[in-house]
Amino acid sequence: MPEFVRQIPAGDTHERLVCSTCGFVDYENPKIVVGAVVAERGRVLLCRRAIEPRRGFWTLPAGFMEMGETPEEGARREAWEEAQVRLVLEGLLAVYSISRIGQVQLIYRSRFDGPPSFAAGPETEEVRLFEWEDIPWDSIAFPSVRWALDAWRAVGTGPLGAPAGNPPEDPRGTVHLPAEAAL
């Protein structure tokens, strides 16, 4: 079994994992997360997580892109897997950098493809449409969910301009949610 060591390869500027036998460089790159704010008559769809991290907290239907799919295909797949929702994507709402965990998140504005229909998928305990004032803000799973909901609220049903980004108080996505946030 090859042994990897951390070193700066010749001609590079970053420390990498390098095979001590053959010199293969194992590049570690950010993961891409895709998801959607699904809206229906001013209400948004949220999923209560049935898995860690943040089991029991509310999130958007979102997850990691798979090899061989486009971001749009990934967002539609994740919505189906987590909430049994068929989507029409209206455009890119936000791009977030979460540097502390090596993620780039692409969040789309979307609507139901037909009459609203949803159910919990295998990674979801519950799925609900929430009026803005009824969103369980104290039980939101991740900061980027709150950011995406705020971006959706700011744009509404109007034309999408440039995608929203990290808020000024967390430009690199390094701030954690409080661990003691109650369900």
C-alpha atoms as a PDB file:
ATOM      1  CA  MET A   1       0.000   0.000   0.000  1.00  0.00           C
ATOM      2  CA  PRO A   2       1.529   3.353  -0.989  1.00  0.00           C
ATOM      3  CA  GLU A   3       2.386   5.845   1.719  1.00  0.00           C
ATOM      4  CA  PHE A   4       1.389   9.471   1.234  1.00  0.00           C
ATOM      5  CA  VAL A   5       3.311  12.339   2.803  1.00  0.00           C
ATOM      6  CA  ARG A   6       2.486  16.034   3.007  1.00  0.00           C
ATOM      7  CA  GLN A   7       4.934  18.148   1.036  1.00  0.00           C
ATOM      8  CA  ILE A   8       5.098  20.910  -1.549  1.00  0.00           C
ATOM      9  CA  PRO A   9       5.573  19.220  -4.943  1.00  0.00           C
ATOM     10  CA  ALA A  10       8.162  20.682  -7.315  1.00  0.00           C
ATOM     11  CA  GLY A  11       6.683  23.634  -9.203  1.00  0.00           C
ATOM     12  CA  ASP A  12       3.736  23.945  -6.775  1.00  0.00           C
ATOM     13  CA  THR A  13       2.974  26.489  -4.049  1.00  0.00           C
ATOM     14  CA  HIS A  14       0.772  24.425  -1.684  1.00  0.00           C
ATOM     15  CA  GLU A  15       1.431  21.486   0.564  1.00  0.00           C
ATOM     16  CA  ARG A  16      -0.206  18.365  -0.909  1.00  0.00           C
ATOM     17  CA  LEU A  17      -0.471  14.636  -0.238  1.00  0.00           C
ATOM     18  CA  VAL A  18       2.226  13.007  -2.388  1.00  0.00           C
ATOM     19  CA  CYS A  19       2.891   9.291  -2.850  1.00  0.00           C
ATOM     20  CA  SER A  20       6.371   8.610  -1.481  1.00  0.00           C
ATOM     21  CA  THR A  21       6.833   5.772  -4.009  1.00  0.00           C
ATOM     22  CA  CYS A  22       5.708   7.192  -7.355  1.00  0.00           C
ATOM     23  CA  GLY A  23       5.233  10.934  -6.743  1.00  0.00           C
ATOM     24  CA  PHE A  24       1.474  10.922  -7.515  1.00  0.00           C
ATOM     25  CA  VAL A  25      -0.138  14.102  -6.136  1.00  0.00           C
ATOM     26  CA  ASP A  26      -3.533  13.628  -4.473  1.00  0.00           C
ATOM     27  CA  TYR A  27      -5.160  17.033  -4.959  1.00  0.00           C
ATOM     28  CA  GLU A  28      -7.800  17.853  -2.355  1.00  0.00           C
ATOM     29  CA  ASN A  29     -10.424  20.182  -3.813  1.00  0.00           C
ATOM     30  CA  PRO A  30     -13.644  21.716  -2.514  1.00  0.00           C
ATOM     31  CA  LYS A  31     -16.887  19.795  -2.839  1.00  0.00           C
ATOM     32  CA  ILE A  32     -19.803  21.325  -4.730  1.00  0.00           C
ATOM     33  CA  VAL A  33     -23.196  21.418  -3.026  1.00  0.00           C
ATOM     34  CA  VAL A  34     -26.325  22.099  -5.079  1.00  0.00           C
ATOM     35  CA  GLY A  35     -29.782  22.920  -3.798  1.00  0.00           C
ATOM     36  CA  ALA A  36     -32.912  24.963  -4.240  1.00  0.00           C
ATOM     37  CA  VAL A  37     -35.238  27.354  -2.505  1.00  0.00           C
ATOM     38  CA  VAL A  38     -38.584  25.879  -3.563  1.00  0.00           C
ATOM     39  CA  ALA A  39     -41.340  28.478  -3.312  1.00  0.00           C
ATOM     40  CA  GLU A  40     -45.113  28.266  -3.616  1.00  0.00           C
ATOM     41  CA  ARG A  41     -47.305  31.362  -3.129  1.00  0.00           C
ATOM     42  CA  GLY A  42     -44.814  33.021  -0.788  1.00  0.00           C
ATOM     43  CA  ARG A  43     -44.113  29.871   1.198  1.00  0.00           C
ATOM     44  CA  VAL A  44     -40.818  27.945   1.165  1.00  0.00           C
ATOM     45  CA  LEU A  45     -40.189  24.230   1.374  1.00  0.00           C
ATOM     46  CA  LEU A  46     -37.919  23.009   4.149  1.00  0.00           C
ATOM     47  CA  CYS A  47     -36.761  19.520   5.079  1.00  0.00           C
ATOM     48  CA  ARG A  48     -36.062  18.311   8.627  1.00  0.00           C
ATOM     49  CA  ARG A  49     -32.815  16.325   8.464  1.00  0.00           C
ATOM     50  CA  ALA A  50     -32.893  12.633   9.414  1.00  0.00           C
ATOM     51  CA  ILE A  51     -29.089  12.325   9.184  1.00  0.00           C
ATOM     52  CA  GLU A  52     -26.027  13.946  10.687  1.00  0.00           C
ATOM     53  CA  PRO A  53     -24.741  16.529  10.632  1.00  0.00           C
ATOM     54  CA  ARG A  54     -27.482  18.576  12.298  1.00  0.00           C
ATOM     55  CA  ARG A  55     -30.076  15.792  12.467  1.00  0.00           C
ATOM     56  CA  GLY A  56     -33.495  17.208  13.390  1.00  0.00           C
ATOM     57  CA  PHE A  57     -32.713  20.679  12.049  1.00  0.00           C
ATOM     58  CA  TRP A  58     -34.364  22.274   9.017  1.00  0.00           C
ATOM     59  CA  THR A  59     -32.635  22.761   5.683  1.00  0.00           C
ATOM     60  CA  LEU A  60     -33.256  23.306   2.003  1.00  0.00           C
ATOM     61  CA  PRO A  61     -33.319  20.290  -0.298  1.00  0.00           C
ATOM     62  CA  ALA A  62     -29.625  20.217  -1.166  1.00  0.00           C
ATOM     63  CA  GLY A  63     -26.587  17.979  -1.247  1.00  0.00           C
ATOM     64  CA  PHE A  64     -23.364  17.063  -2.993  1.00  0.00           C
ATOM     65  CA  MET A  65     -23.165  16.957  -6.772  1.00  0.00           C
ATOM     66  CA  GLU A  66     -22.446  13.564  -8.294  1.00  0.00           C
ATOM     67  CA  MET A  67     -19.874  12.916 -11.000  1.00  0.00           C
ATOM     68  CA  GLY A  68     -21.377  13.178 -14.469  1.00  0.00           C
ATOM     69  CA  GLU A  69     -24.213  15.569 -13.617  1.00  0.00           C
ATOM     70  CA  THR A  70     -24.647  19.277 -14.130  1.00  0.00           C
ATOM     71  CA  PRO A  71     -25.397  21.550 -11.163  1.00  0.00           C
ATOM     72  CA  GLU A  72     -28.989  21.867 -12.374  1.00  0.00           C
ATOM     73  CA  GLU A  73     -29.393  18.086 -12.631  1.00  0.00           C
ATOM     74  CA  GLY A  74     -27.904  17.740  -9.146  1.00  0.00           C
ATOM     75  CA  ALA A  75     -30.296  20.299  -7.649  1.00  0.00           C
ATOM     76  CA  ARG A  76     -33.283  18.502  -9.190  1.00  0.00           C
ATOM     77  CA  ARG A  77     -31.991  15.088  -8.025  1.00  0.00           C
ATOM     78  CA  GLU A  78     -31.418  16.319  -4.470  1.00  0.00           C
ATOM     79  CA  ALA A  79     -34.931  17.816  -4.333  1.00  0.00           C
ATOM     80  CA  TRP A  80     -36.343  14.464  -5.407  1.00  0.00           C
ATOM     81  CA  GLU A  81     -34.206  12.427  -2.998  1.00  0.00           C
ATOM     82  CA  GLU A  82     -34.869  14.626   0.031  1.00  0.00           C
ATOM     83  CA  ALA A  83     -38.412  15.874  -0.558  1.00  0.00           C
ATOM     84  CA  GLN A  84     -39.881  13.858  -3.461  1.00  0.00           C
ATOM     85  CA  VAL A  85     -40.283  17.148  -5.341  1.00  0.00           C
ATOM     86  CA  ARG A  86     -40.148  17.710  -9.093  1.00  0.00           C
ATOM     87  CA  LEU A  87     -38.720  21.185  -9.735  1.00  0.00           C
ATOM     88  CA  VAL A  88     -38.599  23.874 -12.331  1.00  0.00           C
ATOM     89  CA  LEU A  89     -35.387  25.805 -11.779  1.00  0.00           C
ATOM     90  CA  GLU A  90     -35.808  29.525 -12.413  1.00  0.00           C
ATOM     91  CA  GLY A  91     -32.153  30.499 -12.138  1.00  0.00           C
ATOM     92  CA  LEU A  92     -29.139  30.706  -9.898  1.00  0.00           C
ATOM     93  CA  LEU A  93     -30.058  32.529  -6.686  1.00  0.00           C
ATOM     94  CA  ALA A  94     -26.793  32.334  -4.734  1.00  0.00           C
ATOM     95  CA  VAL A  95     -23.205  31.087  -4.661  1.00  0.00           C
ATOM     96  CA  TYR A  96     -21.675  30.555  -1.228  1.00  0.00           C
ATOM     97  CA  SER A  97     -18.108  29.746  -0.180  1.00  0.00           C
ATOM     98  CA  ILE A  98     -17.805  27.664   2.961  1.00  0.00           C
ATOM     99  CA  SER A  99     -14.032  27.548   3.274  1.00  0.00           C
ATOM    100  CA  ARG A 100     -13.911  25.927   6.721  1.00  0.00           C
ATOM    101  CA  ILE A 101     -15.307  22.690   5.257  1.00  0.00           C
ATOM    102  CA  GLY A 102     -14.180  23.059   1.645  1.00  0.00           C
ATOM    103  CA  GLN A 103     -17.563  23.619   0.003  1.00  0.00           C
ATOM    104  CA  VAL A 104     -18.926  25.794  -2.761  1.00  0.00           C
ATOM    105  CA  GLN A 105     -22.722  25.940  -2.700  1.00  0.00           C
ATOM    106  CA  LEU A 106     -24.894  26.729  -5.724  1.00  0.00           C
ATOM    107  CA  ILE A 107     -28.482  27.504  -4.702  1.00  0.00           C
ATOM    108  CA  TYR A 108     -31.254  27.900  -7.272  1.00  0.00           C
ATOM    109  CA  ARG A 109     -34.605  29.655  -7.068  1.00  0.00           C
ATOM    110  CA  SER A 110     -37.266  27.149  -8.051  1.00  0.00           C
ATOM    111  CA  ARG A 111     -40.911  26.213  -8.018  1.00  0.00           C
ATOM    112  CA  PHE A 112     -42.923  23.028  -8.151  1.00  0.00           C
ATOM    113  CA  ASP A 113     -43.307  21.402 -11.569  1.00  0.00           C
ATOM    114  CA  GLY A 114     -47.090  21.158 -11.337  1.00  0.00           C
ATOM    115  CA  PRO A 115     -49.293  21.219  -8.239  1.00  0.00           C
ATOM    116  CA  PRO A 116     -47.306  21.173  -4.974  1.00  0.00           C
ATOM    117  CA  SER A 117     -46.485  17.609  -4.028  1.00  0.00           C
ATOM    118  CA  PHE A 118     -43.822  16.489  -1.563  1.00  0.00           C
ATOM    119  CA  ALA A 119     -42.931  13.774   0.953  1.00  0.00           C
ATOM    120  CA  ALA A 120     -39.971  12.892   3.135  1.00  0.00           C
ATOM    121  CA  GLY A 121     -37.191  10.988   1.408  1.00  0.00           C
ATOM    122  CA  PRO A 122     -34.814   8.581   3.177  1.00  0.00           C
ATOM    123  CA  GLU A 123     -32.568  11.381   4.564  1.00  0.00           C
ATOM    124  CA  THR A 124     -35.526  13.504   5.728  1.00  0.00           C
ATOM    125  CA  GLU A 125     -37.794  13.240   8.790  1.00  0.00           C
ATOM    126  CA  GLU A 126     -40.389  15.767   7.645  1.00  0.00           C
ATOM    127  CA  VAL A 127     -41.068  18.185   4.776  1.00  0.00           C
ATOM    128  CA  ARG A 128     -43.210  21.310   5.099  1.00  0.00           C
ATOM    129  CA  LEU A 129     -44.089  24.543   3.355  1.00  0.00           C
ATOM    130  CA  PHE A 130     -43.542  27.511   5.665  1.00  0.00           C
ATOM    131  CA  GLU A 131     -44.844  31.041   5.605  1.00  0.00           C
ATOM    132  CA  TRP A 132     -41.926  33.440   6.168  1.00  0.00           C
ATOM    133  CA  GLU A 133     -42.988  34.287   9.725  1.00  0.00           C
ATOM    134  CA  ASP A 134     -43.366  30.583  10.601  1.00  0.00           C
ATOM    135  CA  ILE A 135     -39.888  29.439   9.501  1.00  0.00           C
ATOM    136  CA  PRO A 136     -38.233  27.739  12.515  1.00  0.00           C
ATOM    137  CA  TRP A 137     -35.263  30.128  12.587  1.00  0.00           C
ATOM    138  CA  ASP A 138     -33.848  28.666  15.818  1.00  0.00           C
ATOM    139  CA  SER A 139     -33.719  25.223  14.179  1.00  0.00           C
ATOM    140  CA  ILE A 140     -32.057  26.044  10.845  1.00  0.00           C
ATOM    141  CA  ALA A 141     -29.315  23.499  10.106  1.00  0.00           C
ATOM    142  CA  PHE A 142     -26.631  25.645   8.473  1.00  0.00           C
ATOM    143  CA  PRO A 143     -25.798  29.363   8.110  1.00  0.00           C
ATOM    144  CA  SER A 144     -26.042  29.112   4.312  1.00  0.00           C
ATOM    145  CA  VAL A 145     -29.697  28.019   4.600  1.00  0.00           C
ATOM    146  CA  ARG A 146     -30.475  31.285   6.371  1.00  0.00           C
ATOM    147  CA  TRP A 147     -28.435  33.208   3.776  1.00  0.00           C
ATOM    148  CA  ALA A 148     -30.319  31.538   0.903  1.00  0.00           C
ATOM    149  CA  LEU A 149     -33.695  32.235   2.493  1.00  0.00           C
ATOM    150  CA  ASP A 150     -32.710  35.888   2.957  1.00  0.00           C
ATOM    151  CA  ALA A 151     -31.566  36.059  -0.694  1.00  0.00           C
ATOM    152  CA  TRP A 152     -34.860  34.528  -1.837  1.00  0.00           C
ATOM    153  CA  ARG A 153     -36.826  37.001   0.268  1.00  0.00           C
ATOM    154  CA  ALA A 154     -34.821  39.938  -1.134  1.00  0.00           C
ATOM    155  CA  VAL A 155     -35.439  38.917  -4.758  1.00  0.00           C
ATOM    156  CA  GLY A 156     -38.977  37.562  -4.402  1.00  0.00           C
ATOM    157  CA  THR A 157     -40.489  36.672  -7.748  1.00  0.00           C
ATOM    158  CA  GLY A 158     -38.661  39.495  -9.512  1.00  0.00           C
ATOM    159  CA  PRO A 159     -35.889  39.029 -12.035  1.00  0.00           C
ATOM    160  CA  LEU A 160     -32.752  37.346 -10.794  1.00  0.00           C
ATOM    161  CA  GLY A 161     -29.663  39.514 -11.035  1.00  0.00           C
ATOM    162  CA  ALA A 162     -26.182  38.489 -10.049  1.00  0.00           C
ATOM    163  CA  PRO A 163     -26.293  35.621  -7.536  1.00  0.00           C
ATOM    164  CA  ALA A 164     -26.105  36.508  -3.863  1.00  0.00           C
ATOM    165  CA  GLY A 165     -22.895  35.657  -2.032  1.00  0.00           C
ATOM    166  CA  ASN A 166     -21.640  35.274   1.505  1.00  0.00           C
ATOM    167  CA  PRO A 167     -22.754  38.025   3.858  1.00  0.00           C
ATOM    168  CA  PRO A 168     -20.154  40.687   4.740  1.00  0.00           C
ATOM    169  CA  GLU A 169     -19.870  39.366   8.313  1.00  0.00           C
ATOM    170  CA  ASP A 170     -18.813  35.902   7.058  1.00  0.00           C
ATOM    171  CA  PRO A 171     -17.100  36.364   3.658  1.00  0.00           C
ATOM    172  CA  ARG A 172     -15.207  33.059   3.821  1.00  0.00           C
ATOM    173  CA  GLY A 173     -17.920  30.904   5.410  1.00  0.00           C
ATOM    174  CA  THR A 174     -16.067  30.276   8.650  1.00  0.00           C
ATOM    175  CA  VAL A 175     -18.692  31.111  11.298  1.00  0.00           C
ATOM    176  CA  HIS A 176     -20.386  28.119  12.957  1.00  0.00           C
ATOM    177  CA  LEU A 177     -23.961  28.011  14.199  1.00  0.00           C
ATOM    178  CA  PRO A 178     -24.169  27.829  17.989  1.00  0.00           C
ATOM    179  CA  ALA A 179     -24.000  24.190  19.113  1.00  0.00           C
ATOM    180  CA  GLU A 180     -26.700  24.815  21.698  1.00  0.00           C
ATOM    181  CA  ALA A 181     -29.363  25.852  19.125  1.00  0.00           C
ATOM    182  CA  ALA A 182     -32.528  24.116  20.306  1.00  0.00           C
ATOM    183  CA  LEU A 183     -34.844  22.021  18.207  1.00  0.00           C
END
